[in-house]
């Protein structure tokens, strides 16, 4: 189930802190430091935030996106799957989130980036292959992560009219 992040803020904070302290999630922060709390917004003017809720009522994932209200372009799509594995509920909620951004917020374009070697990059490649979109390019050594190494980043985009779902 997809829900407003602010409704699950306390549970989200606990899950988020645990994830950020785990090196498995090093690709999410995109920096060489850790910010231990999500900045849950009290409005959805520029940042849309949702949580994915499992069958047991627990937060299993976090999704956020920044939207430019003038151009209707969504940037900085952030996904954090707390289960560390393919999760059908999280995947379904991701599609719901994208549809919500497209339909409720009238998004005209989605631009997002993922770091080469991370789960998100593999997932985004499958997503655009299945649902439309393209790889804009790869930026070499674009970020230094918490492990002290530099990583390449792949930039993706999908236009509203190219979405086939």
C-alpha atoms as a PDB file:
ATOM      1  CA  UNK A   1       0.000   0.000   0.000  1.00  0.00           C
ATOM      2  CA  UNK A   2       1.288   3.446  -0.900  1.00  0.00           C
ATOM      3  CA  UNK A   3       0.786   6.120   1.776  1.00  0.00           C
ATOM      4  CA  UNK A   4       1.826   9.657   2.646  1.00  0.00           C
ATOM      5  CA  UNK A   5       5.235   9.576   4.337  1.00  0.00           C
ATOM      6  CA  UNK A   6       4.209  12.069   7.002  1.00  0.00           C
ATOM      7  CA  UNK A   7       1.593   9.609   8.319  1.00  0.00           C
ATOM      8  CA  UNK A   8       4.354   7.084   9.065  1.00  0.00           C
ATOM      9  CA  UNK A   9       7.099   9.551   9.963  1.00  0.00           C
ATOM     10  CA  UNK A  10       8.292   7.891  13.191  1.00  0.00           C
ATOM     11  CA  UNK A  11       8.394   4.397  11.691  1.00  0.00           C
ATOM     12  CA  UNK A  12      10.052   5.766   8.547  1.00  0.00           C
ATOM     13  CA  UNK A  13      12.767   7.490  10.582  1.00  0.00           C
ATOM     14  CA  UNK A  14      13.675   4.234  12.366  1.00  0.00           C
ATOM     15  CA  UNK A  15      13.822   2.253   9.122  1.00  0.00           C
ATOM     16  CA  UNK A  16      15.717   5.026   7.348  1.00  0.00           C
ATOM     17  CA  UNK A  17      18.376   5.346  10.078  1.00  0.00           C
ATOM     18  CA  UNK A  18      18.916   1.585  10.112  1.00  0.00           C
ATOM     19  CA  UNK A  19      19.322   1.582   6.326  1.00  0.00           C
ATOM     20  CA  UNK A  20      21.655   4.564   6.176  1.00  0.00           C
ATOM     21  CA  UNK A  21      23.928   2.899   8.775  1.00  0.00           C
ATOM     22  CA  UNK A  22      24.145  -0.192   6.551  1.00  0.00           C
ATOM     23  CA  UNK A  23      26.814  -0.033   3.805  1.00  0.00           C
ATOM     24  CA  UNK A  24      24.433  -1.944   1.513  1.00  0.00           C
ATOM     25  CA  UNK A  25      22.588   1.370   1.010  1.00  0.00           C
ATOM     26  CA  UNK A  26      25.696   3.441   0.199  1.00  0.00           C
ATOM     27  CA  UNK A  27      24.354   4.208  -3.279  1.00  0.00           C
ATOM     28  CA  UNK A  28      21.247   5.926  -1.914  1.00  0.00           C
ATOM     29  CA  UNK A  29      22.922   8.878  -0.191  1.00  0.00           C
ATOM     30  CA  UNK A  30      25.082   9.840  -3.181  1.00  0.00           C
ATOM     31  CA  UNK A  31      27.651  11.476  -0.915  1.00  0.00           C
ATOM     32  CA  UNK A  32      30.665  10.566   1.206  1.00  0.00           C
ATOM     33  CA  UNK A  33      28.742  11.354   4.400  1.00  0.00           C
ATOM     34  CA  UNK A  34      25.485  10.162   5.913  1.00  0.00           C
ATOM     35  CA  UNK A  35      22.382  12.173   6.710  1.00  0.00           C
ATOM     36  CA  UNK A  36      20.673  10.033   9.327  1.00  0.00           C
ATOM     37  CA  UNK A  37      17.135  11.342   9.123  1.00  0.00           C
ATOM     38  CA  UNK A  38      14.812  11.810   6.198  1.00  0.00           C
ATOM     39  CA  UNK A  39      13.560  15.349   5.863  1.00  0.00           C
ATOM     40  CA  UNK A  40       9.848  14.574   5.825  1.00  0.00           C
ATOM     41  CA  UNK A  41       8.076  17.602   4.407  1.00  0.00           C
ATOM     42  CA  UNK A  42       4.809  18.982   5.779  1.00  0.00           C
ATOM     43  CA  UNK A  43       3.585  19.780   2.252  1.00  0.00           C
ATOM     44  CA  UNK A  44       3.969  18.449  -1.279  1.00  0.00           C
ATOM     45  CA  UNK A  45       4.721  21.639  -3.148  1.00  0.00           C
ATOM     46  CA  UNK A  46       8.187  20.703  -4.374  1.00  0.00           C
ATOM     47  CA  UNK A  47       8.907  17.296  -2.839  1.00  0.00           C
ATOM     48  CA  UNK A  48       6.489  14.385  -3.026  1.00  0.00           C
ATOM     49  CA  UNK A  49       7.130  11.704  -0.388  1.00  0.00           C
ATOM     50  CA  UNK A  50       5.474   8.327   0.032  1.00  0.00           C
ATOM     51  CA  UNK A  51       6.071   5.115   1.936  1.00  0.00           C
ATOM     52  CA  UNK A  52       5.381   1.571   0.846  1.00  0.00           C
ATOM     53  CA  UNK A  53       3.519  -0.408   3.501  1.00  0.00           C
ATOM     54  CA  UNK A  54       3.781  -4.191   3.720  1.00  0.00           C
ATOM     55  CA  UNK A  55       0.984  -6.604   4.554  1.00  0.00           C
ATOM     56  CA  UNK A  56       1.908  -6.412   8.237  1.00  0.00           C
ATOM     57  CA  UNK A  57       1.439  -2.622   8.291  1.00  0.00           C
ATOM     58  CA  UNK A  58       5.161  -1.928   8.505  1.00  0.00           C
ATOM     59  CA  UNK A  59       7.067   0.529   6.323  1.00  0.00           C
ATOM     60  CA  UNK A  60       9.026  -1.472   3.733  1.00  0.00           C
ATOM     61  CA  UNK A  61      10.136   1.379   1.493  1.00  0.00           C
ATOM     62  CA  UNK A  62      10.446   5.110   0.960  1.00  0.00           C
ATOM     63  CA  UNK A  63       9.907   7.068  -2.259  1.00  0.00           C
ATOM     64  CA  UNK A  64      10.470  10.728  -2.955  1.00  0.00           C
ATOM     65  CA  UNK A  65      10.606  13.001  -5.961  1.00  0.00           C
ATOM     66  CA  UNK A  66      11.181  16.673  -6.563  1.00  0.00           C
ATOM     67  CA  UNK A  67       8.869  18.402  -8.999  1.00  0.00           C
ATOM     68  CA  UNK A  68       9.263  21.763 -10.678  1.00  0.00           C
ATOM     69  CA  UNK A  69       5.717  23.141 -10.640  1.00  0.00           C
ATOM     70  CA  UNK A  70       6.313  25.409 -13.654  1.00  0.00           C
ATOM     71  CA  UNK A  71       7.860  22.900 -16.057  1.00  0.00           C
ATOM     72  CA  UNK A  72       6.134  19.850 -14.516  1.00  0.00           C
ATOM     73  CA  UNK A  73       9.484  18.019 -14.609  1.00  0.00           C
ATOM     74  CA  UNK A  74      10.175  15.443 -11.927  1.00  0.00           C
ATOM     75  CA  UNK A  75      13.803  15.150 -10.848  1.00  0.00           C
ATOM     76  CA  UNK A  76      15.714  13.431  -8.083  1.00  0.00           C
ATOM     77  CA  UNK A  77      13.598  10.341  -7.876  1.00  0.00           C
ATOM     78  CA  UNK A  78      14.610   8.551  -4.683  1.00  0.00           C
ATOM     79  CA  UNK A  79      13.740   4.955  -3.873  1.00  0.00           C
ATOM     80  CA  UNK A  80      14.740   3.089  -0.754  1.00  0.00           C
ATOM     81  CA  UNK A  81      13.628  -0.527  -0.442  1.00  0.00           C
ATOM     82  CA  UNK A  82      14.203  -1.532   3.178  1.00  0.00           C
ATOM     83  CA  UNK A  83      13.832  -5.260   2.429  1.00  0.00           C
ATOM     84  CA  UNK A  84      17.138  -5.559   0.454  1.00  0.00           C
ATOM     85  CA  UNK A  85      15.477  -7.870  -2.049  1.00  0.00           C
ATOM     86  CA  UNK A  86      12.941  -7.796  -4.821  1.00  0.00           C
ATOM     87  CA  UNK A  87       9.649  -7.049  -3.151  1.00  0.00           C
ATOM     88  CA  UNK A  88       6.425  -7.251  -5.151  1.00  0.00           C
ATOM     89  CA  UNK A  89       4.558  -4.780  -2.928  1.00  0.00           C
ATOM     90  CA  UNK A  90       7.361  -2.217  -3.184  1.00  0.00           C
ATOM     91  CA  UNK A  91       7.525  -2.683  -6.984  1.00  0.00           C
ATOM     92  CA  UNK A  92       3.755  -2.226  -7.322  1.00  0.00           C
ATOM     93  CA  UNK A  93       3.880   0.855  -5.098  1.00  0.00           C
ATOM     94  CA  UNK A  94       6.680   2.297  -7.246  1.00  0.00           C
ATOM     95  CA  UNK A  95       4.428   2.053 -10.328  1.00  0.00           C
ATOM     96  CA  UNK A  96       1.583   3.665  -8.331  1.00  0.00           C
ATOM     97  CA  UNK A  97       3.964   6.446  -7.290  1.00  0.00           C
ATOM     98  CA  UNK A  98       5.025   7.134 -10.877  1.00  0.00           C
ATOM     99  CA  UNK A  99       1.378   7.130 -11.997  1.00  0.00           C
ATOM    100  CA  UNK A 100       0.471   9.524  -9.190  1.00  0.00           C
ATOM    101  CA  UNK A 101       3.260  11.889 -10.220  1.00  0.00           C
ATOM    102  CA  UNK A 102       2.159  11.677 -13.849  1.00  0.00           C
ATOM    103  CA  UNK A 103      -1.586  11.989 -13.276  1.00  0.00           C
ATOM    104  CA  UNK A 104      -2.167  13.948 -10.054  1.00  0.00           C
ATOM    105  CA  UNK A 105       0.844  16.237 -10.356  1.00  0.00           C
ATOM    106  CA  UNK A 106       0.700  16.386 -14.164  1.00  0.00           C
ATOM    107  CA  UNK A 107       4.371  15.470 -14.610  1.00  0.00           C
ATOM    108  CA  UNK A 108       5.539  15.935 -18.189  1.00  0.00           C
ATOM    109  CA  UNK A 109       8.982  14.370 -17.825  1.00  0.00           C
ATOM    110  CA  UNK A 110      10.909  12.280 -15.331  1.00  0.00           C
ATOM    111  CA  UNK A 111      14.664  12.558 -14.977  1.00  0.00           C
ATOM    112  CA  UNK A 112      16.530  10.307 -12.593  1.00  0.00           C
ATOM    113  CA  UNK A 113      20.008   9.029 -11.957  1.00  0.00           C
ATOM    114  CA  UNK A 114      21.479   5.886 -10.415  1.00  0.00           C
ATOM    115  CA  UNK A 115      25.010   4.827  -9.636  1.00  0.00           C
ATOM    116  CA  UNK A 116      26.617   2.070 -11.659  1.00  0.00           C
ATOM    117  CA  UNK A 117      26.802  -1.096  -9.586  1.00  0.00           C
ATOM    118  CA  UNK A 118      23.790  -0.364  -7.405  1.00  0.00           C
ATOM    119  CA  UNK A 119      20.464  -2.178  -7.387  1.00  0.00           C
ATOM    120  CA  UNK A 120      18.651   1.012  -8.425  1.00  0.00           C
ATOM    121  CA  UNK A 121      20.552   1.235 -11.699  1.00  0.00           C
ATOM    122  CA  UNK A 122      19.604  -2.329 -12.647  1.00  0.00           C
ATOM    123  CA  UNK A 123      15.984  -1.699 -11.658  1.00  0.00           C
ATOM    124  CA  UNK A 124      15.793   1.573 -13.624  1.00  0.00           C
ATOM    125  CA  UNK A 125      17.256  -0.104 -16.724  1.00  0.00           C
ATOM    126  CA  UNK A 126      14.542  -2.784 -16.557  1.00  0.00           C
ATOM    127  CA  UNK A 127      11.890  -0.153 -15.874  1.00  0.00           C
ATOM    128  CA  UNK A 128      12.667   2.018 -18.905  1.00  0.00           C
ATOM    129  CA  UNK A 129      13.047  -1.006 -21.151  1.00  0.00           C
ATOM    130  CA  UNK A 130       9.615  -2.239 -20.111  1.00  0.00           C
ATOM    131  CA  UNK A 131       7.752   1.066 -19.741  1.00  0.00           C
ATOM    132  CA  UNK A 132       9.423   3.517 -22.123  1.00  0.00           C
ATOM    133  CA  UNK A 133      12.193   6.034 -21.669  1.00  0.00           C
ATOM    134  CA  UNK A 134      15.852   6.095 -22.448  1.00  0.00           C
ATOM    135  CA  UNK A 135      19.331   6.278 -21.054  1.00  0.00           C
ATOM    136  CA  UNK A 136      20.620   9.801 -21.501  1.00  0.00           C
ATOM    137  CA  UNK A 137      24.207   8.884 -20.721  1.00  0.00           C
ATOM    138  CA  UNK A 138      26.775   7.870 -18.178  1.00  0.00           C
ATOM    139  CA  UNK A 139      28.734  10.353 -16.120  1.00  0.00           C
ATOM    140  CA  UNK A 140      32.182   9.047 -15.217  1.00  0.00           C
ATOM    141  CA  UNK A 141      33.437   9.281 -11.627  1.00  0.00           C
ATOM    142  CA  UNK A 142      30.602  11.576 -10.686  1.00  0.00           C
ATOM    143  CA  UNK A 143      30.349  10.874  -6.961  1.00  0.00           C
ATOM    144  CA  UNK A 144      32.494   9.739  -4.072  1.00  0.00           C
ATOM    145  CA  UNK A 145      30.534   7.490  -1.729  1.00  0.00           C
ATOM    146  CA  UNK A 146      30.923   6.606   1.929  1.00  0.00           C
ATOM    147  CA  UNK A 147      33.369   3.809   1.041  1.00  0.00           C
ATOM    148  CA  UNK A 148      35.800   6.429  -0.338  1.00  0.00           C
ATOM    149  CA  UNK A 149      35.495   5.183  -3.924  1.00  0.00           C
ATOM    150  CA  UNK A 150      34.308   7.118  -6.974  1.00  0.00           C
ATOM    151  CA  UNK A 151      31.347   5.816  -8.984  1.00  0.00           C
ATOM    152  CA  UNK A 152      29.872   6.427 -12.405  1.00  0.00           C
ATOM    153  CA  UNK A 153      26.243   7.467 -12.699  1.00  0.00           C
ATOM    154  CA  UNK A 154      23.692   6.625 -15.370  1.00  0.00           C
ATOM    155  CA  UNK A 155      21.116   9.293 -16.239  1.00  0.00           C
ATOM    156  CA  UNK A 156      17.639   8.183 -17.327  1.00  0.00           C
ATOM    157  CA  UNK A 157      14.593  10.028 -18.593  1.00  0.00           C
ATOM    158  CA  UNK A 158      11.078   9.172 -19.564  1.00  0.00           C
ATOM    159  CA  UNK A 159       8.573  11.512 -21.164  1.00  0.00           C
ATOM    160  CA  UNK A 160       4.926  11.426 -20.174  1.00  0.00           C
ATOM    161  CA  UNK A 161       3.826  10.528 -23.710  1.00  0.00           C
ATOM    162  CA  UNK A 162       6.294   7.616 -23.842  1.00  0.00           C
ATOM    163  CA  UNK A 163       4.929   5.905 -20.725  1.00  0.00           C
ATOM    164  CA  UNK A 164       3.138   2.751 -21.690  1.00  0.00           C
ATOM    165  CA  UNK A 165       1.307   2.025 -18.457  1.00  0.00           C
END
